[in-house]
Amino acid sequence: MMKLGNILFVVAMIFAIVFVDVLFFRNHTLERLAANVGIVLLFGAFYWRFFKH
């Protein structure tokens, strides 16, 4: 069962990806992909450092 903190973390990651896509990379496919991968890696590193038990 997922904890509330994990669910909020995933929602924040999805919000960040959509926000960056719409705001900066609307018509740039490869840059959008690179930014999305970077955001996921950043959130993954943050999760690994602070939420993993």
Protein backbone atom coordinates (compact mmCIF):
# COMPACT_ATOMS: atom_id res chain seq x y z
CA MET A 1 0.00 0.00 0.00
CA MET A 2 1.35 3.42 -0.96
CA LYS A 3 1.74 6.10 1.66
CA LEU A 4 0.23 9.54 1.22
CA GLY A 5 3.70 11.08 0.98
CA ASN A 6 4.59 8.81 -1.94
CA ILE A 7 1.38 9.66 -3.75
CA LEU A 8 1.96 13.39 -3.29
CA PHE A 9 5.55 12.95 -4.49
CA VAL A 10 4.37 11.28 -7.73
CA VAL A 11 1.71 13.95 -8.25
CA ALA A 12 4.33 16.68 -7.78
CA MET A 13 6.60 14.97 -10.32
CA ILE A 14 3.79 14.73 -12.88
CA PHE A 15 2.88 18.38 -12.29
CA ALA A 16 6.52 19.44 -12.77
CA ILE A 17 6.82 17.50 -16.03
CA VAL A 18 3.59 18.89 -17.47
CA PHE A 19 4.43 22.43 -16.30
CA VAL A 20 7.88 22.39 -17.92
CA ASP A 21 6.51 20.82 -21.13
CA VAL A 22 3.78 23.41 -21.57
CA LEU A 23 5.78 26.41 -20.45
CA PHE A 24 9.12 25.85 -22.19
CA PHE A 25 9.14 22.97 -24.70
CA ARG A 26 5.83 23.03 -26.51
CA ASN A 27 7.23 22.44 -30.04
CA HIS A 28 10.64 20.92 -29.26
CA THR A 29 10.36 17.13 -29.14
CA LEU A 30 13.94 16.10 -28.32
CA GLU A 31 14.45 18.89 -25.81
CA ARG A 32 11.15 17.95 -24.16
CA LEU A 33 12.26 14.33 -23.88
CA ALA A 34 15.62 15.32 -22.40
CA ALA A 35 13.96 17.65 -19.89
CA ASN A 36 11.45 14.98 -18.87
CA VAL A 37 14.20 12.42 -18.33
CA GLY A 38 16.14 14.97 -16.30
CA ILE A 39 13.13 15.76 -14.13
CA VAL A 40 12.46 12.08 -13.48
CA LEU A 41 16.13 11.51 -12.59
CA LEU A 42 16.10 14.52 -10.28
CA PHE A 43 12.95 13.34 -8.52
CA GLY A 44 14.38 9.82 -8.35
CA ALA A 45 17.57 11.08 -6.70
CA PHE A 46 15.53 13.17 -4.25
CA TYR A 47 13.35 10.14 -3.43
CA TRP A 48 16.39 7.89 -3.02
CA ARG A 49 18.03 10.40 -0.64
CA PHE A 50 15.09 11.42 1.55
CA PHE A 51 12.24 8.87 1.28
CA LYS A 52 13.88 5.46 0.94
CA HIS A 53 13.94 3.61 4.23
